[in-house]
PDB file of N, CA and C in Angstrom:
ATOM      1  N   MET A   1     -29.345  31.139  38.436  1.00  0.00           N
ATOM      2  CA  MET A   1     -28.376  31.723  38.061  1.00  0.00           C
ATOM      3  C   MET A   1     -28.093  31.454  36.711  1.00  0.00           C
ATOM      4  N   GLY A   2     -27.859  32.844  35.984  1.00  0.00           N
ATOM      5  CA  GLY A   2     -28.021  32.903  34.379  1.00  0.00           C
ATOM      6  C   GLY A   2     -26.589  33.106  33.906  1.00  0.00           C
ATOM      7  N   LEU A   3     -26.336  33.413  32.519  1.00  0.00           N
ATOM      8  CA  LEU A   3     -25.113  33.220  32.044  1.00  0.00           C
ATOM      9  C   LEU A   3     -24.454  34.600  32.580  1.00  0.00           C
ATOM     10  N   GLU A   4     -23.090  34.178  32.558  1.00  0.00           N
ATOM     11  CA  GLU A   4     -22.255  35.374  33.109  1.00  0.00           C
ATOM     12  C   GLU A   4     -21.431  36.220  31.885  1.00  0.00           C
ATOM     13  N   ALA A   5     -21.266  37.409  32.000  1.00  0.00           N
ATOM     14  CA  ALA A   5     -20.602  37.794  31.066  1.00  0.00           C
ATOM     15  C   ALA A   5     -19.228  36.999  30.712  1.00  0.00           C
ATOM     16  N   GLY A   6     -19.237  36.993  29.065  1.00  0.00           N
ATOM     17  CA  GLY A   6     -18.358  36.186  28.526  1.00  0.00           C
ATOM     18  C   GLY A   6     -18.401  34.533  28.107  1.00  0.00           C
ATOM     19  N   ASP A   7     -19.504  34.291  28.819  1.00  0.00           N
ATOM     20  CA  ASP A   7     -20.188  32.977  28.406  1.00  0.00           C
ATOM     21  C   ASP A   7     -20.417  32.809  27.132  1.00  0.00           C
ATOM     22  N   LEU A   8     -20.623  31.761  26.467  1.00  0.00           N
ATOM     23  CA  LEU A   8     -20.813  31.861  24.809  1.00  0.00           C
ATOM     24  C   LEU A   8     -21.671  30.736  24.905  1.00  0.00           C
ATOM     25  N   VAL A   9     -22.544  30.862  24.005  1.00  0.00           N
ATOM     26  CA  VAL A   9     -23.540  30.137  23.386  1.00  0.00           C
ATOM     27  C   VAL A   9     -23.136  29.550  21.995  1.00  0.00           C
ATOM     28  N   LYS A  10     -23.116  28.253  21.991  1.00  0.00           N
ATOM     29  CA  LYS A  10     -22.650  27.768  20.591  1.00  0.00           C
ATOM     30  C   LYS A  10     -23.505  26.294  20.485  1.00  0.00           C
ATOM     31  N   TYR A  11     -23.663  25.755  19.007  1.00  0.00           N
ATOM     32  CA  TYR A  11     -23.999  24.730  18.638  1.00  0.00           C
ATOM     33  C   TYR A  11     -22.971  23.527  19.085  1.00  0.00           C
ATOM     34  N   GLY A  12     -23.522  22.120  19.589  1.00  0.00           N
ATOM     35  CA  GLY A  12     -22.936  21.511  20.067  1.00  0.00           C
ATOM     36  C   GLY A  12     -23.299  20.271  20.763  1.00  0.00           C
ATOM     37  N   ARG A  13     -22.593  19.407  21.593  1.00  0.00           N
ATOM     38  CA  ARG A  13     -23.083  18.311  22.163  1.00  0.00           C
ATOM     39  C   ARG A  13     -22.817  18.450  23.542  1.00  0.00           C
ATOM     40  N   CYS A  14     -23.693  18.079  24.497  1.00  0.00           N
ATOM     41  CA  CYS A  14     -23.685  18.434  25.523  1.00  0.00           C
ATOM     42  C   CYS A  14     -23.237  17.531  26.519  1.00  0.00           C
ATOM     43  N   TRP A  15     -21.817  17.967  27.253  1.00  0.00           N
ATOM     44  CA  TRP A  15     -20.807  17.043  27.904  1.00  0.00           C
ATOM     45  C   TRP A  15     -21.566  16.123  28.883  1.00  0.00           C
ATOM     46  N   LEU A  16     -22.939  16.478  29.561  1.00  0.00           N
ATOM     47  CA  LEU A  16     -23.488  15.679  30.311  1.00  0.00           C
ATOM     48  C   LEU A  16     -24.370  14.691  30.124  1.00  0.00           C
ATOM     49  N   CYS A  17     -25.502  14.953  29.345  1.00  0.00           N
ATOM     50  CA  CYS A  17     -26.346  14.348  28.792  1.00  0.00           C
ATOM     51  C   CYS A  17     -26.204  13.969  27.355  1.00  0.00           C
ATOM     52  N   GLY A  18     -25.235  14.701  26.461  1.00  0.00           N
ATOM     53  CA  GLY A  18     -25.186  13.980  24.963  1.00  0.00           C
ATOM     54  C   GLY A  18     -26.262  14.675  24.054  1.00  0.00           C
ATOM     55  N   ARG A  19     -27.198  15.618  24.603  1.00  0.00           N
ATOM     56  CA  ARG A  19     -27.993  16.103  23.618  1.00  0.00           C
ATOM     57  C   ARG A  19     -27.150  17.070  22.489  1.00  0.00           C
ATOM     58  N   TYR A  20     -27.656  17.102  21.255  1.00  0.00           N
ATOM     59  CA  TYR A  20     -27.261  18.084  20.579  1.00  0.00           C
ATOM     60  C   TYR A  20     -28.114  19.032  20.621  1.00  0.00           C
ATOM     61  N   GLY A  21     -27.262  20.276  20.257  1.00  0.00           N
ATOM     62  CA  GLY A  21     -28.201  21.664  20.089  1.00  0.00           C
ATOM     63  C   GLY A  21     -27.426  23.090  20.453  1.00  0.00           C
ATOM     64  N   LEU A  22     -27.882  24.239  20.678  1.00  0.00           N
ATOM     65  CA  LEU A  22     -27.696  25.121  21.518  1.00  0.00           C
ATOM     66  C   LEU A  22     -27.006  24.796  22.943  1.00  0.00           C
ATOM     67  N   MET A  23     -25.905  24.940  23.316  1.00  0.00           N
ATOM     68  CA  MET A  23     -25.169  25.064  24.291  1.00  0.00           C
ATOM     69  C   MET A  23     -24.528  26.212  25.257  1.00  0.00           C
ATOM     70  N   GLU A  24     -24.292  26.211  26.441  1.00  0.00           N
ATOM     71  CA  GLU A  24     -23.497  27.189  26.994  1.00  0.00           C
ATOM     72  C   GLU A  24     -22.367  26.681  27.560  1.00  0.00           C
ATOM     73  N   GLU A  25     -21.337  27.343  27.042  1.00  0.00           N
ATOM     74  CA  GLU A  25     -19.723  27.046  27.410  1.00  0.00           C
ATOM     75  C   GLU A  25     -19.878  27.160  29.136  1.00  0.00           C
ATOM     76  N   HIS A  26     -19.232  26.295  29.785  1.00  0.00           N
ATOM     77  CA  HIS A  26     -18.964  26.020  31.195  1.00  0.00           C
ATOM     78  C   HIS A  26     -17.552  25.916  31.364  1.00  0.00           C
ATOM     79  N   HIS A  27     -17.353  26.838  32.351  1.00  0.00           N
ATOM     80  CA  HIS A  27     -15.791  26.936  32.778  1.00  0.00           C
ATOM     81  C   HIS A  27     -15.872  25.794  33.914  1.00  0.00           C
ATOM     82  N   ILE A  28     -14.804  24.645  33.719  1.00  0.00           N
ATOM     83  CA  ILE A  28     -14.600  23.412  34.815  1.00  0.00           C
ATOM     84  C   ILE A  28     -14.464  23.919  36.072  1.00  0.00           C
ATOM     85  N   PHE A  29     -13.545  25.158  36.275  1.00  0.00           N
ATOM     86  CA  PHE A  29     -13.080  25.589  37.193  1.00  0.00           C
ATOM     87  C   PHE A  29     -13.521  26.843  37.767  1.00  0.00           C
ATOM     88  N   SER A  30     -14.375  27.556  38.495  1.00  0.00           N
ATOM     89  CA  SER A  30     -14.665  28.533  38.499  1.00  0.00           C
ATOM     90  C   SER A  30     -14.117  29.275  39.748  1.00  0.00           C
ATOM     91  N   GLY A  31     -14.676  30.595  39.932  1.00  0.00           N
ATOM     92  CA  GLY A  31     -14.175  31.111  41.096  1.00  0.00           C
ATOM     93  C   GLY A  31     -12.592  31.639  41.054  1.00  0.00           C
ATOM     94  N   ALA A  32     -11.899  31.607  41.882  1.00  0.00           N
ATOM     95  CA  ALA A  32     -10.288  32.343  41.535  1.00  0.00           C
ATOM     96  C   ALA A  32      -9.505  31.293  40.488  1.00  0.00           C
ATOM     97  N   ASN A  33     -10.274  30.255  40.043  1.00  0.00           N
ATOM     98  CA  ASN A  33      -9.579  29.697  38.825  1.00  0.00           C
ATOM     99  C   ASN A  33     -10.182  29.638  37.861  1.00  0.00           C
ATOM    100  N   ARG A  34     -11.474  30.624  37.352  1.00  0.00           N
ATOM    101  CA  ARG A  34     -11.993  30.728  36.290  1.00  0.00           C
ATOM    102  C   ARG A  34     -11.204  30.938  35.123  1.00  0.00           C
ATOM    103  N   LYS A  35     -10.296  32.016  35.194  1.00  0.00           N
ATOM    104  CA  LYS A  35      -9.117  32.339  34.533  1.00  0.00           C
ATOM    105  C   LYS A  35      -8.249  31.418  34.030  1.00  0.00           C
ATOM    106  N   LEU A  36      -7.912  30.450  35.046  1.00  0.00           N
ATOM    107  CA  LEU A  36      -7.245  29.336  34.644  1.00  0.00           C
ATOM    108  C   LEU A  36      -7.825  28.251  33.680  1.00  0.00           C
ATOM    109  N   SER A  37      -9.342  28.189  33.887  1.00  0.00           N
ATOM    110  CA  SER A  37     -10.155  27.366  32.903  1.00  0.00           C
ATOM    111  C   SER A  37      -9.842  28.008  31.713  1.00  0.00           C
ATOM    112  N   GLU A  38     -10.129  29.293  31.471  1.00  0.00           N
ATOM    113  CA  GLU A  38      -9.969  30.120  30.009  1.00  0.00           C
ATOM    114  C   GLU A  38      -8.674  29.788  29.823  1.00  0.00           C
ATOM    115  N   LYS A  39      -7.708  30.026  30.398  1.00  0.00           N
ATOM    116  CA  LYS A  39      -6.342  29.822  29.821  1.00  0.00           C
ATOM    117  C   LYS A  39      -5.810  28.553  29.455  1.00  0.00           C
ATOM    118  N   TYR A  40      -6.487  27.612  29.761  1.00  0.00           N
ATOM    119  CA  TYR A  40      -6.044  26.114  29.755  1.00  0.00           C
ATOM    120  C   TYR A  40      -6.986  25.496  28.697  1.00  0.00           C
ATOM    121  N   GLY A  41      -8.065  26.121  28.508  1.00  0.00           N
ATOM    122  CA  GLY A  41      -9.290  25.715  27.877  1.00  0.00           C
ATOM    123  C   GLY A  41      -9.903  24.400  28.406  1.00  0.00           C
ATOM    124  N   LEU A  42     -10.019  24.484  29.704  1.00  0.00           N
ATOM    125  CA  LEU A  42     -10.787  23.906  30.529  1.00  0.00           C
ATOM    126  C   LEU A  42     -12.318  23.847  30.509  1.00  0.00           C
ATOM    127  N   LYS A  43     -12.986  24.042  29.492  1.00  0.00           N
ATOM    128  CA  LYS A  43     -14.521  24.359  29.317  1.00  0.00           C
ATOM    129  C   LYS A  43     -15.177  23.233  28.830  1.00  0.00           C
ATOM    130  N   VAL A  44     -16.276  23.149  29.138  1.00  0.00           N
ATOM    131  CA  VAL A  44     -17.341  21.894  28.350  1.00  0.00           C
ATOM    132  C   VAL A  44     -18.762  22.881  27.799  1.00  0.00           C
ATOM    133  N   LEU A  45     -19.342  21.942  26.959  1.00  0.00           N
ATOM    134  CA  LEU A  45     -20.249  22.348  26.429  1.00  0.00           C
ATOM    135  C   LEU A  45     -21.657  21.961  27.297  1.00  0.00           C
ATOM    136  N   LEU A  46     -22.624  22.396  27.827  1.00  0.00           N
ATOM    137  CA  LEU A  46     -23.819  22.006  28.428  1.00  0.00           C
ATOM    138  C   LEU A  46     -25.063  22.413  28.270  1.00  0.00           C
ATOM    139  N   CYS A  47     -25.845  21.699  28.261  1.00  0.00           N
ATOM    140  CA  CYS A  47     -27.284  22.153  27.878  1.00  0.00           C
ATOM    141  C   CYS A  47     -27.656  23.337  28.854  1.00  0.00           C
ATOM    142  N   GLY A  48     -28.047  24.475  28.501  1.00  0.00           N
ATOM    143  CA  GLY A  48     -28.473  25.588  29.401  1.00  0.00           C
ATOM    144  C   GLY A  48     -28.946  25.330  30.703  1.00  0.00           C
ATOM    145  N   GLU A  49     -30.540  25.025  30.404  1.00  0.00           N
ATOM    146  CA  GLU A  49     -31.177  25.236  31.676  1.00  0.00           C
ATOM    147  C   GLU A  49     -31.283  23.845  32.251  1.00  0.00           C
ATOM    148  N   SER A  50     -31.310  22.724  31.562  1.00  0.00           N
ATOM    149  CA  SER A  50     -31.101  21.296  32.498  1.00  0.00           C
ATOM    150  C   SER A  50     -29.721  20.918  32.758  1.00  0.00           C
ATOM    151  N   CYS A  51     -28.846  20.963  32.236  1.00  0.00           N
ATOM    152  CA  CYS A  51     -27.399  20.457  32.252  1.00  0.00           C
ATOM    153  C   CYS A  51     -26.338  21.625  33.008  1.00  0.00           C
ATOM    154  N   HIS A  52     -26.769  22.776  32.839  1.00  0.00           N
ATOM    155  CA  HIS A  52     -25.613  23.590  33.253  1.00  0.00           C
ATOM    156  C   HIS A  52     -26.239  24.254  34.601  1.00  0.00           C
ATOM    157  N   ARG A  53     -27.807  24.881  34.635  1.00  0.00           N
ATOM    158  CA  ARG A  53     -27.785  25.672  35.508  1.00  0.00           C
ATOM    159  C   ARG A  53     -28.675  25.228  36.629  1.00  0.00           C
ATOM    160  N   ASN A  54     -29.912  24.622  35.986  1.00  0.00           N
ATOM    161  CA  ASN A  54     -31.032  24.383  37.237  1.00  0.00           C
ATOM    162  C   ASN A  54     -31.863  22.824  37.245  1.00  0.00           C
ATOM    163  N   GLY A  55     -30.948  21.776  36.453  1.00  0.00           N
ATOM    164  CA  GLY A  55     -31.626  20.704  36.542  1.00  0.00           C
ATOM    165  C   GLY A  55     -31.119  20.060  37.828  1.00  0.00           C
ATOM    166  N   LYS A  56     -31.302  18.738  37.890  1.00  0.00           N
ATOM    167  CA  LYS A  56     -31.451  18.184  39.178  1.00  0.00           C
ATOM    168  C   LYS A  56     -29.647  17.405  39.145  1.00  0.00           C
ATOM    169  N   LYS A  57     -29.014  17.167  37.997  1.00  0.00           N
ATOM    170  CA  LYS A  57     -27.633  16.897  38.153  1.00  0.00           C
ATOM    171  C   LYS A  57     -27.021  18.104  37.462  1.00  0.00           C
ATOM    172  N   ALA A  58     -27.580  19.375  37.222  1.00  0.00           N
ATOM    173  CA  ALA A  58     -26.855  20.302  36.774  1.00  0.00           C
ATOM    174  C   ALA A  58     -25.452  20.721  37.267  1.00  0.00           C
ATOM    175  N   ALA A  59     -24.306  21.180  36.447  1.00  0.00           N
ATOM    176  CA  ALA A  59     -23.064  21.677  37.136  1.00  0.00           C
ATOM    177  C   ALA A  59     -23.152  22.680  38.502  1.00  0.00           C
ATOM    178  N   HIS A  60     -24.222  23.257  38.381  1.00  0.00           N
ATOM    179  CA  HIS A  60     -24.280  24.608  39.358  1.00  0.00           C
ATOM    180  C   HIS A  60     -24.937  23.910  40.524  1.00  0.00           C
ATOM    181  N   VAL A  61     -25.631  22.695  40.474  1.00  0.00           N
ATOM    182  CA  VAL A  61     -26.497  22.371  41.549  1.00  0.00           C
ATOM    183  C   VAL A  61     -25.969  20.829  42.159  1.00  0.00           C
ATOM    184  N   SER A  62     -25.587  20.140  41.186  1.00  0.00           N
ATOM    185  CA  SER A  62     -25.035  19.039  41.718  1.00  0.00           C
ATOM    186  C   SER A  62     -23.597  18.555  41.979  1.00  0.00           C
ATOM    187  N   LYS A  63     -23.121  18.289  43.352  1.00  0.00           N
ATOM    188  CA  LYS A  63     -21.830  18.142  43.860  1.00  0.00           C
ATOM    189  C   LYS A  63     -21.190  16.809  42.926  1.00  0.00           C
ATOM    190  N   GLU A  64     -22.188  15.931  42.687  1.00  0.00           N
ATOM    191  CA  GLU A  64     -21.100  14.848  41.884  1.00  0.00           C
ATOM    192  C   GLU A  64     -21.111  15.216  40.431  1.00  0.00           C
ATOM    193  N   THR A  65     -21.780  16.171  40.026  1.00  0.00           N
ATOM    194  CA  THR A  65     -21.572  16.582  38.507  1.00  0.00           C
ATOM    195  C   THR A  65     -20.556  17.397  38.508  1.00  0.00           C
ATOM    196  N   ALA A  66     -20.314  18.328  39.704  1.00  0.00           N
ATOM    197  CA  ALA A  66     -19.099  19.261  39.667  1.00  0.00           C
ATOM    198  C   ALA A  66     -17.715  18.389  39.938  1.00  0.00           C
ATOM    199  N   LEU A  67     -17.888  17.343  40.686  1.00  0.00           N
ATOM    200  CA  LEU A  67     -16.659  16.275  40.916  1.00  0.00           C
ATOM    201  C   LEU A  67     -16.295  15.875  39.779  1.00  0.00           C
ATOM    202  N   ALA A  68     -17.288  15.156  39.066  1.00  0.00           N
ATOM    203  CA  ALA A  68     -16.612  14.428  37.659  1.00  0.00           C
ATOM    204  C   ALA A  68     -16.471  15.858  36.936  1.00  0.00           C
ATOM    205  N   LEU A  69     -16.540  16.643  36.549  1.00  0.00           N
ATOM    206  CA  LEU A  69     -16.214  17.830  35.914  1.00  0.00           C
ATOM    207  C   LEU A  69     -14.578  18.046  36.191  1.00  0.00           C
ATOM    208  N   HIS A  70     -14.548  18.537  37.567  1.00  0.00           N
ATOM    209  CA  HIS A  70     -13.299  18.784  38.205  1.00  0.00           C
ATOM    210  C   HIS A  70     -12.315  17.532  37.802  1.00  0.00           C
ATOM    211  N   GLN A  71     -12.682  16.374  37.879  1.00  0.00           N
ATOM    212  CA  GLN A  71     -11.634  15.102  37.887  1.00  0.00           C
ATOM    213  C   GLN A  71     -11.430  15.077  36.324  1.00  0.00           C
ATOM    214  N   TYR A  72     -12.532  15.240  35.591  1.00  0.00           N
ATOM    215  CA  TYR A  72     -12.181  15.640  33.859  1.00  0.00           C
ATOM    216  C   TYR A  72     -11.520  16.757  33.590  1.00  0.00           C
ATOM    217  N   GLY A  73     -11.359  17.555  34.363  1.00  0.00           N
ATOM    218  CA  GLY A  73     -10.800  18.765  33.747  1.00  0.00           C
ATOM    219  C   GLY A  73      -9.133  18.321  34.025  1.00  0.00           C
ATOM    220  N   GLN A  74      -8.896  18.014  35.297  1.00  0.00           N
ATOM    221  CA  GLN A  74      -7.783  17.722  36.203  1.00  0.00           C
ATOM    222  C   GLN A  74      -7.085  16.735  34.971  1.00  0.00           C
ATOM    223  N   LYS A  75      -8.049  15.507  34.824  1.00  0.00           N
ATOM    224  CA  LYS A  75      -7.388  14.574  33.556  1.00  0.00           C
ATOM    225  C   LYS A  75      -7.204  15.237  32.372  1.00  0.00           C
ATOM    226  N   CYS A  76      -7.866  16.159  31.768  1.00  0.00           N
ATOM    227  CA  CYS A  76      -7.157  16.648  30.554  1.00  0.00           C
ATOM    228  C   CYS A  76      -6.199  17.905  30.781  1.00  0.00           C
ATOM    229  N   PHE A  77      -5.923  18.384  31.941  1.00  0.00           N
ATOM    230  CA  PHE A  77      -4.971  19.628  31.864  1.00  0.00           C
ATOM    231  C   PHE A  77      -3.666  18.438  31.936  1.00  0.00           C
ATOM    232  N   MET A  78      -3.602  17.558  32.762  1.00  0.00           N
ATOM    233  CA  MET A  78      -2.628  16.706  32.939  1.00  0.00           C
ATOM    234  C   MET A  78      -1.888  16.134  31.811  1.00  0.00           C
ATOM    235  N   GLU A  79      -2.944  15.733  31.068  1.00  0.00           N
ATOM    236  CA  GLU A  79      -2.720  15.203  29.378  1.00  0.00           C
ATOM    237  C   GLU A  79      -2.001  15.976  28.450  1.00  0.00           C
ATOM    238  N   ASP A  80      -2.711  17.162  28.502  1.00  0.00           N
ATOM    239  CA  ASP A  80      -2.662  18.270  27.248  1.00  0.00           C
ATOM    240  C   ASP A  80      -1.358  19.012  27.498  1.00  0.00           C
ATOM    241  N   ASN A  81      -0.726  18.767  29.063  1.00  0.00           N
ATOM    242  CA  ASN A  81       0.443  19.838  29.456  1.00  0.00           C
ATOM    243  C   ASN A  81       1.450  18.565  30.034  1.00  0.00           C
ATOM    244  N   GLY A  82       1.269  17.344  29.792  1.00  0.00           N
ATOM    245  CA  GLY A  82       2.289  16.713  30.178  1.00  0.00           C
ATOM    246  C   GLY A  82       2.644  16.957  31.683  1.00  0.00           C
ATOM    247  N   ALA A  83       1.591  17.048  32.686  1.00  0.00           N
ATOM    248  CA  ALA A  83       1.870  17.549  33.841  1.00  0.00           C
ATOM    249  C   ALA A  83       1.398  16.423  34.836  1.00  0.00           C
ATOM    250  N   SER A  84       2.057  16.464  35.901  1.00  0.00           N
ATOM    251  CA  SER A  84       1.939  15.251  37.231  1.00  0.00           C
ATOM    252  C   SER A  84       0.804  16.101  37.776  1.00  0.00           C
ATOM    253  N   LYS A  85      -0.010  15.240  39.050  1.00  0.00           N
ATOM    254  CA  LYS A  85      -0.891  15.793  39.663  1.00  0.00           C
ATOM    255  C   LYS A  85      -0.225  16.858  40.595  1.00  0.00           C
ATOM    256  N   GLU A  86       1.170  16.699  41.006  1.00  0.00           N
ATOM    257  CA  GLU A  86       2.018  17.985  41.844  1.00  0.00           C
ATOM    258  C   GLU A  86       1.745  19.212  40.737  1.00  0.00           C
ATOM    259  N   ASP A  87       2.172  18.836  39.614  1.00  0.00           N
ATOM    260  CA  ASP A  87       1.905  20.416  38.686  1.00  0.00           C
ATOM    261  C   ASP A  87       0.416  20.948  38.874  1.00  0.00           C
ATOM    262  N   PHE A  88      -0.353  19.896  38.742  1.00  0.00           N
ATOM    263  CA  PHE A  88      -1.831  20.646  38.729  1.00  0.00           C
ATOM    264  C   PHE A  88      -2.074  21.022  40.233  1.00  0.00           C
ATOM    265  N   ILE A  89      -1.760  20.394  41.274  1.00  0.00           N
ATOM    266  CA  ILE A  89      -1.862  21.101  42.314  1.00  0.00           C
ATOM    267  C   ILE A  89      -1.392  22.346  42.807  1.00  0.00           C
ATOM    268  N   GLU A  90      -0.080  22.369  42.143  1.00  0.00           N
ATOM    269  CA  GLU A  90       0.726  24.023  42.171  1.00  0.00           C
ATOM    270  C   GLU A  90      -0.125  24.823  41.486  1.00  0.00           C
ATOM    271  N   ILE A  91      -0.793  24.750  40.356  1.00  0.00           N
ATOM    272  CA  ILE A  91      -1.373  25.469  39.750  1.00  0.00           C
ATOM    273  C   ILE A  91      -2.802  25.819  40.393  1.00  0.00           C
ATOM    274  N   PHE A  92      -3.697  24.936  40.460  1.00  0.00           N
ATOM    275  CA  PHE A  92      -5.019  24.825  40.712  1.00  0.00           C
ATOM    276  C   PHE A  92      -5.333  24.977  42.185  1.00  0.00           C
ATOM    277  N   GLY A  93      -4.333  24.258  42.926  1.00  0.00           N
ATOM    278  CA  GLY A  93      -4.573  24.348  44.505  1.00  0.00           C
ATOM    279  C   GLY A  93      -4.967  23.251  45.069  1.00  0.00           C
ATOM    280  N   ARG A  94      -5.598  22.561  44.431  1.00  0.00           N
ATOM    281  CA  ARG A  94      -6.064  21.061  44.854  1.00  0.00           C
ATOM    282  C   ARG A  94      -5.923  19.891  43.968  1.00  0.00           C
ATOM    283  N   ASN A  95      -5.990  18.571  44.516  1.00  0.00           N
ATOM    284  CA  ASN A  95      -6.230  17.369  43.685  1.00  0.00           C
ATOM    285  C   ASN A  95      -7.584  16.820  43.539  1.00  0.00           C
ATOM    286  N   TYR A  96      -8.353  16.663  42.510  1.00  0.00           N
ATOM    287  CA  TYR A  96      -9.388  16.030  42.518  1.00  0.00           C
ATOM    288  C   TYR A  96      -9.816  14.702  41.774  1.00  0.00           C
ATOM    289  N   LEU A  97      -8.184  13.840  41.746  1.00  0.00           N
ATOM    290  CA  LEU A  97      -8.337  12.431  41.644  1.00  0.00           C
ATOM    291  C   LEU A  97      -8.334  11.727  42.813  1.00  0.00           C
TER     292      LEU A  97
END
């Protein structure tokens, strides 16, 4: 899986491994909720090859990493928007906490 249209590459710190360098922007919620990730700024920076796409713990490979990102995204949404779990579920369709 490569970069999708609209994905950004920028300098920063990887959310998963902490490495600094050129990173890819990852939408925490994908598919039907990708636009919601964009709208609410629910994105993180990840190392392209190892943490975003192809590594053992990569966001697009590891269910554990995906769950951790979803939990992080839900917490951020709730804190940033003064929202409850119910509010999150109403918008995103699911509770990850």
